[in-house]
PDB file of N, CA and C in Angstrom:
ATOM      1  N   MET A   1     -12.928  75.527  88.204  1.00  0.00           N
ATOM      2  CA  MET A   1     -12.161  75.676  87.043  1.00  0.00           C
ATOM      3  C   MET A   1     -13.177  76.715  86.351  1.00  0.00           C
ATOM      4  N   SER A   2     -12.364  77.702  85.958  1.00  0.00           N
ATOM      5  CA  SER A   2     -13.275  78.776  85.011  1.00  0.00           C
ATOM      6  C   SER A   2     -13.413  78.082  83.651  1.00  0.00           C
ATOM      7  N   SER A   3     -14.254  78.909  82.737  1.00  0.00           N
ATOM      8  CA  SER A   3     -14.533  78.378  81.453  1.00  0.00           C
ATOM      9  C   SER A   3     -13.512  78.639  80.579  1.00  0.00           C
ATOM     10  N   LYS A   4     -12.590  79.449  80.839  1.00  0.00           N
ATOM     11  CA  LYS A   4     -11.412  79.835  80.047  1.00  0.00           C
ATOM     12  C   LYS A   4     -10.012  78.989  80.193  1.00  0.00           C
ATOM     13  N   GLU A   5     -10.056  78.196  81.617  1.00  0.00           N
ATOM     14  CA  GLU A   5      -8.927  77.106  81.545  1.00  0.00           C
ATOM     15  C   GLU A   5      -8.995  76.124  80.731  1.00  0.00           C
ATOM     16  N   PRO A   6      -7.837  75.671  80.250  1.00  0.00           N
ATOM     17  CA  PRO A   6      -8.278  74.427  79.261  1.00  0.00           C
ATOM     18  C   PRO A   6      -8.339  73.131  80.157  1.00  0.00           C
ATOM     19  N   ASP A   7      -8.966  72.100  79.570  1.00  0.00           N
ATOM     20  CA  ASP A   7      -9.568  70.911  79.909  1.00  0.00           C
ATOM     21  C   ASP A   7      -8.322  69.966  80.190  1.00  0.00           C
ATOM     22  N   ASP A   8      -7.557  70.017  81.468  1.00  0.00           N
ATOM     23  CA  ASP A   8      -6.399  69.285  81.812  1.00  0.00           C
ATOM     24  C   ASP A   8      -6.338  67.719  81.581  1.00  0.00           C
ATOM     25  N   CYS A   9      -7.676  67.229  82.091  1.00  0.00           N
ATOM     26  CA  CYS A   9      -7.716  65.761  82.081  1.00  0.00           C
ATOM     27  C   CYS A   9      -8.358  65.115  80.764  1.00  0.00           C
ATOM     28  N   GLY A  10      -8.676  66.025  79.983  1.00  0.00           N
ATOM     29  CA  GLY A  10      -8.891  65.543  78.586  1.00  0.00           C
ATOM     30  C   GLY A  10     -10.483  64.776  78.614  1.00  0.00           C
ATOM     31  N   PHE A  11     -11.314  64.663  79.780  1.00  0.00           N
ATOM     32  CA  PHE A  11     -12.525  64.196  79.778  1.00  0.00           C
ATOM     33  C   PHE A  11     -13.770  64.976  79.125  1.00  0.00           C
ATOM     34  N   ASN A  12     -13.621  66.107  79.220  1.00  0.00           N
ATOM     35  CA  ASN A  12     -14.586  66.792  78.212  1.00  0.00           C
ATOM     36  C   ASN A  12     -14.115  66.677  76.767  1.00  0.00           C
ATOM     37  N   ALA A  13     -13.252  66.769  76.474  1.00  0.00           N
ATOM     38  CA  ALA A  13     -12.770  66.404  74.871  1.00  0.00           C
ATOM     39  C   ALA A  13     -13.419  64.648  74.625  1.00  0.00           C
ATOM     40  N   ALA A  14     -13.028  64.038  75.438  1.00  0.00           N
ATOM     41  CA  ALA A  14     -13.630  62.766  75.138  1.00  0.00           C
ATOM     42  C   ALA A  14     -15.042  62.560  74.947  1.00  0.00           C
ATOM     43  N   LEU A  15     -15.661  63.326  76.050  1.00  0.00           N
ATOM     44  CA  LEU A  15     -17.306  63.221  76.180  1.00  0.00           C
ATOM     45  C   LEU A  15     -17.845  63.937  74.814  1.00  0.00           C
ATOM     46  N   GLN A  16     -17.132  65.028  74.512  1.00  0.00           N
ATOM     47  CA  GLN A  16     -17.774  65.564  73.031  1.00  0.00           C
ATOM     48  C   GLN A  16     -17.375  64.588  71.921  1.00  0.00           C
ATOM     49  N   ALA A  17     -16.360  63.962  71.857  1.00  0.00           N
ATOM     50  CA  ALA A  17     -16.022  63.007  70.971  1.00  0.00           C
ATOM     51  C   ALA A  17     -17.170  61.981  70.686  1.00  0.00           C
ATOM     52  N   ILE A  18     -17.319  61.346  71.878  1.00  0.00           N
ATOM     53  CA  ILE A  18     -18.301  60.254  71.837  1.00  0.00           C
ATOM     54  C   ILE A  18     -19.865  60.533  72.585  1.00  0.00           C
ATOM     55  N   GLY A  19     -19.898  61.534  72.838  1.00  0.00           N
ATOM     56  CA  GLY A  19     -21.180  62.079  73.407  1.00  0.00           C
ATOM     57  C   GLY A  19     -22.444  62.287  72.554  1.00  0.00           C
ATOM     58  N   GLY A  20     -23.696  61.942  72.981  1.00  0.00           N
ATOM     59  CA  GLY A  20     -24.864  62.149  72.349  1.00  0.00           C
ATOM     60  C   GLY A  20     -25.275  60.594  72.268  1.00  0.00           C
ATOM     61  N   LYS A  21     -26.551  60.597  71.486  1.00  0.00           N
ATOM     62  CA  LYS A  21     -27.353  59.293  71.645  1.00  0.00           C
ATOM     63  C   LYS A  21     -26.700  58.283  70.492  1.00  0.00           C
ATOM     64  N   TRP A  22     -26.185  58.802  69.467  1.00  0.00           N
ATOM     65  CA  TRP A  22     -25.826  57.770  68.250  1.00  0.00           C
ATOM     66  C   TRP A  22     -24.306  57.533  68.079  1.00  0.00           C
ATOM     67  N   LYS A  23     -23.492  58.411  68.314  1.00  0.00           N
ATOM     68  CA  LYS A  23     -22.244  58.051  68.274  1.00  0.00           C
ATOM     69  C   LYS A  23     -21.492  56.762  68.819  1.00  0.00           C
ATOM     70  N   PRO A  24     -21.699  56.354  69.995  1.00  0.00           N
ATOM     71  CA  PRO A  24     -21.168  55.183  70.448  1.00  0.00           C
ATOM     72  C   PRO A  24     -21.839  54.026  69.601  1.00  0.00           C
ATOM     73  N   SER A  25     -22.992  54.081  69.120  1.00  0.00           N
ATOM     74  CA  SER A  25     -23.481  52.967  68.393  1.00  0.00           C
ATOM     75  C   SER A  25     -22.879  52.934  66.849  1.00  0.00           C
ATOM     76  N   LEU A  26     -22.639  54.338  66.457  1.00  0.00           N
ATOM     77  CA  LEU A  26     -22.062  54.390  65.127  1.00  0.00           C
ATOM     78  C   LEU A  26     -20.487  53.899  65.376  1.00  0.00           C
ATOM     79  N   LEU A  27     -19.915  54.133  66.149  1.00  0.00           N
ATOM     80  CA  LEU A  27     -18.458  53.740  66.458  1.00  0.00           C
ATOM     81  C   LEU A  27     -18.661  51.982  66.441  1.00  0.00           C
ATOM     82  N   TRP A  28     -19.551  51.437  67.186  1.00  0.00           N
ATOM     83  CA  TRP A  28     -19.565  50.365  67.407  1.00  0.00           C
ATOM     84  C   TRP A  28     -19.772  49.626  65.928  1.00  0.00           C
ATOM     85  N   ALA A  29     -20.688  50.017  65.123  1.00  0.00           N
ATOM     86  CA  ALA A  29     -21.126  49.534  63.721  1.00  0.00           C
ATOM     87  C   ALA A  29     -19.905  49.395  62.821  1.00  0.00           C
ATOM     88  N   LEU A  30     -19.153  50.483  63.064  1.00  0.00           N
ATOM     89  CA  LEU A  30     -18.022  50.932  62.098  1.00  0.00           C
ATOM     90  C   LEU A  30     -16.940  50.095  62.674  1.00  0.00           C
ATOM     91  N   HIS A  31     -16.785  49.672  63.877  1.00  0.00           N
ATOM     92  CA  HIS A  31     -15.494  48.847  64.000  1.00  0.00           C
ATOM     93  C   HIS A  31     -15.637  47.368  63.468  1.00  0.00           C
ATOM     94  N   LEU A  32     -16.821  47.252  63.287  1.00  0.00           N
ATOM     95  CA  LEU A  32     -17.065  45.746  62.821  1.00  0.00           C
ATOM     96  C   LEU A  32     -16.579  45.555  61.328  1.00  0.00           C
ATOM     97  N   ARG A  33     -16.801  46.583  60.525  1.00  0.00           N
ATOM     98  CA  ARG A  33     -16.659  46.625  59.222  1.00  0.00           C
ATOM     99  C   ARG A  33     -16.880  48.140  58.581  1.00  0.00           C
ATOM    100  N   PRO A  34     -16.744  48.623  57.393  1.00  0.00           N
ATOM    101  CA  PRO A  34     -17.156  49.852  56.858  1.00  0.00           C
ATOM    102  C   PRO A  34     -18.522  49.390  56.414  1.00  0.00           C
ATOM    103  N   HIS A  35     -19.140  50.698  56.483  1.00  0.00           N
ATOM    104  CA  HIS A  35     -20.578  50.544  56.200  1.00  0.00           C
ATOM    105  C   HIS A  35     -21.194  51.854  55.013  1.00  0.00           C
ATOM    106  N   ARG A  36     -22.159  51.608  54.337  1.00  0.00           N
ATOM    107  CA  ARG A  36     -22.470  52.782  53.508  1.00  0.00           C
ATOM    108  C   ARG A  36     -23.551  53.540  54.377  1.00  0.00           C
ATOM    109  N   PHE A  37     -24.032  54.676  53.868  1.00  0.00           N
ATOM    110  CA  PHE A  37     -24.846  55.554  54.627  1.00  0.00           C
ATOM    111  C   PHE A  37     -26.268  54.803  54.862  1.00  0.00           C
ATOM    112  N   ALA A  38     -26.648  54.061  53.920  1.00  0.00           N
ATOM    113  CA  ALA A  38     -28.039  53.464  54.277  1.00  0.00           C
ATOM    114  C   ALA A  38     -28.033  52.304  55.034  1.00  0.00           C
ATOM    115  N   GLU A  39     -26.653  51.574  55.138  1.00  0.00           N
ATOM    116  CA  GLU A  39     -26.618  50.445  55.933  1.00  0.00           C
ATOM    117  C   GLU A  39     -26.815  50.994  57.536  1.00  0.00           C
ATOM    118  N   LEU A  40     -25.851  52.013  57.618  1.00  0.00           N
ATOM    119  CA  LEU A  40     -25.907  52.603  59.112  1.00  0.00           C
ATOM    120  C   LEU A  40     -27.306  52.932  59.266  1.00  0.00           C
ATOM    121  N   ARG A  41     -27.997  53.355  58.440  1.00  0.00           N
ATOM    122  CA  ARG A  41     -29.477  53.930  58.869  1.00  0.00           C
ATOM    123  C   ARG A  41     -30.443  52.622  59.140  1.00  0.00           C
ATOM    124  N   ARG A  42     -30.117  51.863  58.552  1.00  0.00           N
ATOM    125  CA  ARG A  42     -30.925  50.394  58.875  1.00  0.00           C
ATOM    126  C   ARG A  42     -30.459  49.863  60.270  1.00  0.00           C
ATOM    127  N   LEU A  43     -29.183  50.175  60.484  1.00  0.00           N
ATOM    128  CA  LEU A  43     -28.789  49.364  61.668  1.00  0.00           C
ATOM    129  C   LEU A  43     -29.068  50.077  62.830  1.00  0.00           C
ATOM    130  N   LEU A  44     -29.564  51.485  62.710  1.00  0.00           N
ATOM    131  CA  LEU A  44     -29.958  52.355  63.984  1.00  0.00           C
ATOM    132  C   LEU A  44     -31.331  52.634  63.611  1.00  0.00           C
ATOM    133  N   PRO A  45     -32.252  51.836  64.008  1.00  0.00           N
ATOM    134  CA  PRO A  45     -33.595  52.468  63.954  1.00  0.00           C
ATOM    135  C   PRO A  45     -34.058  53.719  64.728  1.00  0.00           C
ATOM    136  N   GLY A  46     -34.523  54.414  64.084  1.00  0.00           N
ATOM    137  CA  GLY A  46     -34.950  55.694  64.911  1.00  0.00           C
ATOM    138  C   GLY A  46     -34.106  56.805  64.563  1.00  0.00           C
ATOM    139  N   ILE A  47     -33.044  56.783  64.231  1.00  0.00           N
ATOM    140  CA  ILE A  47     -31.947  57.801  63.650  1.00  0.00           C
ATOM    141  C   ILE A  47     -32.643  58.457  62.254  1.00  0.00           C
ATOM    142  N   SER A  48     -32.647  59.700  62.128  1.00  0.00           N
ATOM    143  CA  SER A  48     -32.916  60.555  61.030  1.00  0.00           C
ATOM    144  C   SER A  48     -31.855  60.574  59.943  1.00  0.00           C
ATOM    145  N   GLU A  49     -32.318  60.652  58.698  1.00  0.00           N
ATOM    146  CA  GLU A  49     -31.043  60.961  57.914  1.00  0.00           C
ATOM    147  C   GLU A  49     -30.173  62.164  58.351  1.00  0.00           C
ATOM    148  N   LYS A  50     -31.130  62.935  58.517  1.00  0.00           N
ATOM    149  CA  LYS A  50     -30.281  64.576  58.747  1.00  0.00           C
ATOM    150  C   LYS A  50     -29.247  64.360  60.136  1.00  0.00           C
ATOM    151  N   VAL A  51     -29.886  63.597  61.064  1.00  0.00           N
ATOM    152  CA  VAL A  51     -28.853  63.326  62.326  1.00  0.00           C
ATOM    153  C   VAL A  51     -27.856  62.458  61.904  1.00  0.00           C
ATOM    154  N   LEU A  52     -28.106  61.403  61.114  1.00  0.00           N
ATOM    155  CA  LEU A  52     -27.045  60.548  60.854  1.00  0.00           C
ATOM    156  C   LEU A  52     -26.019  61.261  60.031  1.00  0.00           C
ATOM    157  N   ALA A  53     -26.317  62.140  59.033  1.00  0.00           N
ATOM    158  CA  ALA A  53     -25.457  62.856  58.427  1.00  0.00           C
ATOM    159  C   ALA A  53     -24.561  63.699  59.174  1.00  0.00           C
ATOM    160  N   GLN A  54     -25.310  64.378  60.137  1.00  0.00           N
ATOM    161  CA  GLN A  54     -24.633  65.419  61.149  1.00  0.00           C
ATOM    162  C   GLN A  54     -23.670  64.816  62.066  1.00  0.00           C
ATOM    163  N   GLN A  55     -23.975  63.494  62.578  1.00  0.00           N
ATOM    164  CA  GLN A  55     -22.941  62.897  63.468  1.00  0.00           C
ATOM    165  C   GLN A  55     -21.822  62.403  62.666  1.00  0.00           C
ATOM    166  N   LEU A  56     -21.927  61.615  61.588  1.00  0.00           N
ATOM    167  CA  LEU A  56     -21.029  61.589  60.714  1.00  0.00           C
ATOM    168  C   LEU A  56     -19.965  62.630  60.133  1.00  0.00           C
ATOM    169  N   ARG A  57     -20.339  63.530  59.745  1.00  0.00           N
ATOM    170  CA  ARG A  57     -19.535  64.563  59.643  1.00  0.00           C
ATOM    171  C   ARG A  57     -18.963  65.129  60.835  1.00  0.00           C
ATOM    172  N   ARG A  58     -19.583  65.168  61.946  1.00  0.00           N
ATOM    173  CA  ARG A  58     -18.938  65.642  63.184  1.00  0.00           C
ATOM    174  C   ARG A  58     -17.718  64.626  63.414  1.00  0.00           C
ATOM    175  N   MET A  59     -18.128  63.362  63.194  1.00  0.00           N
ATOM    176  CA  MET A  59     -17.172  62.313  63.558  1.00  0.00           C
ATOM    177  C   MET A  59     -15.765  62.455  62.678  1.00  0.00           C
ATOM    178  N   GLU A  60     -16.364  62.556  61.455  1.00  0.00           N
ATOM    179  CA  GLU A  60     -15.323  62.916  60.456  1.00  0.00           C
ATOM    180  C   GLU A  60     -14.386  64.277  60.884  1.00  0.00           C
ATOM    181  N   ALA A  61     -14.895  65.026  61.087  1.00  0.00           N
ATOM    182  CA  ALA A  61     -14.209  66.169  61.513  1.00  0.00           C
ATOM    183  C   ALA A  61     -13.310  65.932  62.717  1.00  0.00           C
ATOM    184  N   ASP A  62     -13.684  65.168  63.758  1.00  0.00           N
ATOM    185  CA  ASP A  62     -12.933  64.806  64.943  1.00  0.00           C
ATOM    186  C   ASP A  62     -11.845  63.872  64.728  1.00  0.00           C
ATOM    187  N   GLY A  63     -11.603  63.250  63.305  1.00  0.00           N
ATOM    188  CA  GLY A  63     -10.918  62.393  62.982  1.00  0.00           C
ATOM    189  C   GLY A  63     -11.279  60.776  63.398  1.00  0.00           C
ATOM    190  N   LEU A  64     -12.436  60.556  63.722  1.00  0.00           N
ATOM    191  CA  LEU A  64     -12.952  59.003  64.182  1.00  0.00           C
ATOM    192  C   LEU A  64     -13.312  58.451  62.978  1.00  0.00           C
ATOM    193  N   VAL A  65     -13.456  58.954  61.729  1.00  0.00           N
ATOM    194  CA  VAL A  65     -14.563  58.119  60.839  1.00  0.00           C
ATOM    195  C   VAL A  65     -13.694  58.805  59.402  1.00  0.00           C
ATOM    196  N   ASN A  66     -13.465  57.982  58.569  1.00  0.00           N
ATOM    197  CA  ASN A  66     -13.132  58.202  57.288  1.00  0.00           C
ATOM    198  C   ASN A  66     -14.394  57.912  56.189  1.00  0.00           C
ATOM    199  N   ARG A  67     -14.513  58.974  55.254  1.00  0.00           N
ATOM    200  CA  ARG A  67     -15.591  58.924  54.438  1.00  0.00           C
ATOM    201  C   ARG A  67     -14.802  58.731  53.102  1.00  0.00           C
ATOM    202  N   HIS A  68     -15.272  57.733  52.323  1.00  0.00           N
ATOM    203  CA  HIS A  68     -14.658  57.416  51.146  1.00  0.00           C
ATOM    204  C   HIS A  68     -15.730  57.513  50.150  1.00  0.00           C
ATOM    205  N   ASP A  69     -15.454  58.556  49.172  1.00  0.00           N
ATOM    206  CA  ASP A  69     -16.346  58.699  47.824  1.00  0.00           C
ATOM    207  C   ASP A  69     -15.807  57.999  46.822  1.00  0.00           C
ATOM    208  N   TYR A  70     -16.499  56.996  46.172  1.00  0.00           N
ATOM    209  CA  TYR A  70     -15.942  56.301  45.130  1.00  0.00           C
ATOM    210  C   TYR A  70     -16.050  57.005  43.698  1.00  0.00           C
ATOM    211  N   GLY A  71     -16.793  58.071  43.856  1.00  0.00           N
ATOM    212  CA  GLY A  71     -17.061  59.044  42.616  1.00  0.00           C
ATOM    213  C   GLY A  71     -17.516  58.259  41.512  1.00  0.00           C
ATOM    214  N   GLU A  72     -18.687  57.369  41.667  1.00  0.00           N
ATOM    215  CA  GLU A  72     -19.268  56.590  40.824  1.00  0.00           C
ATOM    216  C   GLU A  72     -20.839  57.167  40.758  1.00  0.00           C
ATOM    217  N   VAL A  73     -21.533  56.827  39.555  1.00  0.00           N
ATOM    218  CA  VAL A  73     -23.047  57.313  39.265  1.00  0.00           C
ATOM    219  C   VAL A  73     -23.572  55.729  39.237  1.00  0.00           C
ATOM    220  N   PRO A  74     -24.570  55.443  40.287  1.00  0.00           N
ATOM    221  CA  PRO A  74     -25.028  56.337  41.272  1.00  0.00           C
ATOM    222  C   PRO A  74     -23.856  56.331  42.324  1.00  0.00           C
ATOM    223  N   PRO A  75     -23.994  57.558  43.073  1.00  0.00           N
ATOM    224  CA  PRO A  75     -22.867  57.761  44.217  1.00  0.00           C
ATOM    225  C   PRO A  75     -22.722  56.704  45.156  1.00  0.00           C
ATOM    226  N   ARG A  76     -21.562  56.288  45.378  1.00  0.00           N
ATOM    227  CA  ARG A  76     -21.308  55.424  46.582  1.00  0.00           C
ATOM    228  C   ARG A  76     -20.265  55.901  47.164  1.00  0.00           C
ATOM    229  N   VAL A  77     -20.676  56.082  48.631  1.00  0.00           N
ATOM    230  CA  VAL A  77     -19.862  56.710  49.548  1.00  0.00           C
ATOM    231  C   VAL A  77     -20.057  55.295  50.799  1.00  0.00           C
ATOM    232  N   GLU A  78     -18.694  55.216  51.332  1.00  0.00           N
ATOM    233  CA  GLU A  78     -18.383  54.345  52.300  1.00  0.00           C
ATOM    234  C   GLU A  78     -17.836  55.102  53.747  1.00  0.00           C
ATOM    235  N   TYR A  79     -18.262  54.711  54.864  1.00  0.00           N
ATOM    236  CA  TYR A  79     -17.929  55.181  56.111  1.00  0.00           C
ATOM    237  C   TYR A  79     -17.031  53.946  56.832  1.00  0.00           C
ATOM    238  N   SER A  80     -15.998  54.438  57.382  1.00  0.00           N
ATOM    239  CA  SER A  80     -14.986  53.474  58.106  1.00  0.00           C
ATOM    240  C   SER A  80     -14.241  54.143  59.355  1.00  0.00           C
ATOM    241  N   ILE A  81     -13.908  53.385  60.248  1.00  0.00           N
ATOM    242  CA  ILE A  81     -13.413  53.759  61.480  1.00  0.00           C
ATOM    243  C   ILE A  81     -11.939  54.043  61.197  1.00  0.00           C
ATOM    244  N   THR A  82     -11.465  55.012  61.711  1.00  0.00           N
ATOM    245  CA  THR A  82     -10.099  55.348  61.983  1.00  0.00           C
ATOM    246  C   THR A  82      -9.239  54.799  63.057  1.00  0.00           C
ATOM    247  N   PRO A  83      -8.144  54.715  63.109  1.00  0.00           N
ATOM    248  CA  PRO A  83      -7.457  54.071  64.274  1.00  0.00           C
ATOM    249  C   PRO A  83      -7.717  54.863  65.242  1.00  0.00           C
ATOM    250  N   LEU A  84      -7.662  56.273  65.317  1.00  0.00           N
ATOM    251  CA  LEU A  84      -8.148  57.084  66.411  1.00  0.00           C
ATOM    252  C   LEU A  84      -9.388  56.678  66.878  1.00  0.00           C
ATOM    253  N   GLY A  85     -10.415  56.608  65.993  1.00  0.00           N
ATOM    254  CA  GLY A  85     -11.786  55.965  66.430  1.00  0.00           C
ATOM    255  C   GLY A  85     -11.813  54.515  66.863  1.00  0.00           C
ATOM    256  N   LEU A  86     -10.912  53.668  66.590  1.00  0.00           N
ATOM    257  CA  LEU A  86     -11.010  52.373  67.061  1.00  0.00           C
ATOM    258  C   LEU A  86     -10.334  52.551  68.574  1.00  0.00           C
ATOM    259  N   SER A  87      -9.456  53.146  68.799  1.00  0.00           N
ATOM    260  CA  SER A  87      -8.884  53.525  70.044  1.00  0.00           C
ATOM    261  C   SER A  87     -10.110  53.885  71.157  1.00  0.00           C
ATOM    262  N   LEU A  88     -11.047  54.556  70.712  1.00  0.00           N
ATOM    263  CA  LEU A  88     -12.051  55.134  71.577  1.00  0.00           C
ATOM    264  C   LEU A  88     -13.014  53.637  71.803  1.00  0.00           C
ATOM    265  N   ASN A  89     -13.071  52.722  71.242  1.00  0.00           N
ATOM    266  CA  ASN A  89     -13.839  51.576  71.487  1.00  0.00           C
ATOM    267  C   ASN A  89     -13.692  50.859  72.974  1.00  0.00           C
ATOM    268  N   ASP A  90     -12.169  51.083  73.233  1.00  0.00           N
ATOM    269  CA  ASP A  90     -11.672  50.695  74.531  1.00  0.00           C
ATOM    270  C   ASP A  90     -12.300  51.641  75.730  1.00  0.00           C
ATOM    271  N   ALA A  91     -12.412  52.571  75.349  1.00  0.00           N
ATOM    272  CA  ALA A  91     -13.270  53.649  76.451  1.00  0.00           C
ATOM    273  C   ALA A  91     -14.470  53.511  76.272  1.00  0.00           C
ATOM    274  N   VAL A  92     -15.286  53.220  75.391  1.00  0.00           N
ATOM    275  CA  VAL A  92     -16.667  52.859  75.146  1.00  0.00           C
ATOM    276  C   VAL A  92     -17.081  51.761  75.699  1.00  0.00           C
ATOM    277  N   THR A  93     -16.160  50.398  75.680  1.00  0.00           N
ATOM    278  CA  THR A  93     -16.542  49.424  76.096  1.00  0.00           C
ATOM    279  C   THR A  93     -16.412  49.356  77.511  1.00  0.00           C
ATOM    280  N   ALA A  94     -15.489  49.726  78.328  1.00  0.00           N
ATOM    281  CA  ALA A  94     -15.392  50.370  79.720  1.00  0.00           C
ATOM    282  C   ALA A  94     -16.357  51.023  80.123  1.00  0.00           C
ATOM    283  N   MET A  95     -16.925  51.970  79.510  1.00  0.00           N
ATOM    284  CA  MET A  95     -18.005  52.735  79.897  1.00  0.00           C
ATOM    285  C   MET A  95     -19.296  52.124  80.052  1.00  0.00           C
ATOM    286  N   SER A  96     -19.513  51.229  78.980  1.00  0.00           N
ATOM    287  CA  SER A  96     -20.748  50.084  79.019  1.00  0.00           C
ATOM    288  C   SER A  96     -20.581  49.107  80.237  1.00  0.00           C
ATOM    289  N   LYS A  97     -19.566  48.663  80.203  1.00  0.00           N
ATOM    290  CA  LYS A  97     -19.468  47.783  81.379  1.00  0.00           C
ATOM    291  C   LYS A  97     -19.814  48.436  82.826  1.00  0.00           C
ATOM    292  N   TRP A  98     -19.339  49.516  82.936  1.00  0.00           N
ATOM    293  CA  TRP A  98     -19.606  50.426  84.245  1.00  0.00           C
ATOM    294  C   TRP A  98     -20.849  50.617  84.466  1.00  0.00           C
ATOM    295  N   GLY A  99     -21.611  51.047  83.111  1.00  0.00           N
ATOM    296  CA  GLY A  99     -23.121  51.224  83.102  1.00  0.00           C
ATOM    297  C   GLY A  99     -23.823  50.283  83.539  1.00  0.00           C
ATOM    298  N   LYS A 100     -23.561  48.909  83.226  1.00  0.00           N
ATOM    299  CA  LYS A 100     -24.265  47.777  83.225  1.00  0.00           C
ATOM    300  C   LYS A 100     -24.125  47.617  84.802  1.00  0.00           C
ATOM    301  N   GLN A 101     -22.943  47.563  85.412  1.00  0.00           N
ATOM    302  CA  GLN A 101     -22.695  47.481  87.041  1.00  0.00           C
ATOM    303  C   GLN A 101     -23.570  48.388  87.682  1.00  0.00           C
ATOM    304  N   HIS A 102     -23.733  49.497  87.252  1.00  0.00           N
ATOM    305  CA  HIS A 102     -24.171  50.781  87.837  1.00  0.00           C
ATOM    306  C   HIS A 102     -25.682  50.379  87.954  1.00  0.00           C
ATOM    307  N   GLU A 103     -26.276  50.066  86.865  1.00  0.00           N
ATOM    308  CA  GLU A 103     -27.747  49.647  86.729  1.00  0.00           C
ATOM    309  C   GLU A 103     -28.088  48.439  87.678  1.00  0.00           C
ATOM    310  N   SER A 104     -27.208  47.507  87.765  1.00  0.00           N
ATOM    311  CA  SER A 104     -27.374  46.420  88.412  1.00  0.00           C
ATOM    312  C   SER A 104     -27.282  46.756  90.056  1.00  0.00           C
ATOM    313  N   TRP A 105     -26.211  47.702  90.418  1.00  0.00           N
ATOM    314  CA  TRP A 105     -26.299  48.281  91.694  1.00  0.00           C
ATOM    315  C   TRP A 105     -27.529  48.887  92.293  1.00  0.00           C
ATOM    316  N   LYS A 106     -27.932  49.758  91.152  1.00  0.00           N
ATOM    317  CA  LYS A 106     -29.328  50.624  91.411  1.00  0.00           C
ATOM    318  C   LYS A 106     -30.574  49.646  91.656  1.00  0.00           C
ATOM    319  N   ALA A 107     -30.403  48.538  91.019  1.00  0.00           N
ATOM    320  CA  ALA A 107     -31.592  47.539  90.999  1.00  0.00           C
ATOM    321  C   ALA A 107     -31.523  46.803  92.379  1.00  0.00           C
ATOM    322  N   ARG A 108     -30.116  46.602  92.925  1.00  0.00           N
ATOM    323  CA  ARG A 108     -30.269  45.864  94.265  1.00  0.00           C
ATOM    324  C   ARG A 108     -30.581  46.887  95.255  1.00  0.00           C
ATOM    325  N   GLN A 109     -30.399  48.087  95.010  1.00  0.00           N
ATOM    326  CA  GLN A 109     -30.611  49.340  96.062  1.00  0.00           C
ATOM    327  C   GLN A 109     -31.998  49.748  96.115  1.00  0.00           C
ATOM    328  N   GLY A 110     -32.846  49.137  95.119  1.00  0.00           N
ATOM    329  CA  GLY A 110     -34.400  49.610  95.049  1.00  0.00           C
ATOM    330  C   GLY A 110     -34.556  50.667  94.314  1.00  0.00           C
ATOM    331  N   ALA A 111     -33.519  51.588  93.629  1.00  0.00           N
ATOM    332  CA  ALA A 111     -33.637  52.489  93.060  1.00  0.00           C
ATOM    333  C   ALA A 111     -34.262  52.437  91.914  1.00  0.00           C
ATOM    334  N   PRO A 112     -34.939  53.457  91.113  1.00  0.00           N
ATOM    335  CA  PRO A 112     -35.547  53.516  89.830  1.00  0.00           C
ATOM    336  C   PRO A 112     -34.303  53.180  88.886  1.00  0.00           C
ATOM    337  N   VAL A 113     -34.456  52.243  88.004  1.00  0.00           N
ATOM    338  CA  VAL A 113     -33.341  51.937  86.912  1.00  0.00           C
ATOM    339  C   VAL A 113     -33.643  52.938  85.692  1.00  0.00           C
TER     340      VAL A 113
END
């Protein structure tokens, strides 16, 4: 498939939407309930403010996350998952299950995990 042909199966689009170290964790946290920025930062030790802001902006642009600015002083912004983002949890859950099975298989084969 050349780079000019469309992605007919949609797999690349899905991977771009959930790809990366933090997006699946953000989706999981937000599917439980809406969170403020600082709450998300505490839930994901190791993520920098810059990366969290970038990931949330990207996910908002992709239609996975809503950003609600309450227009208060001090500023209060809350992030929630959209129905489209929620629909990705089925895929992420299935991939997680497959990953655990794969790790188990590799351990049985004696391969490095």
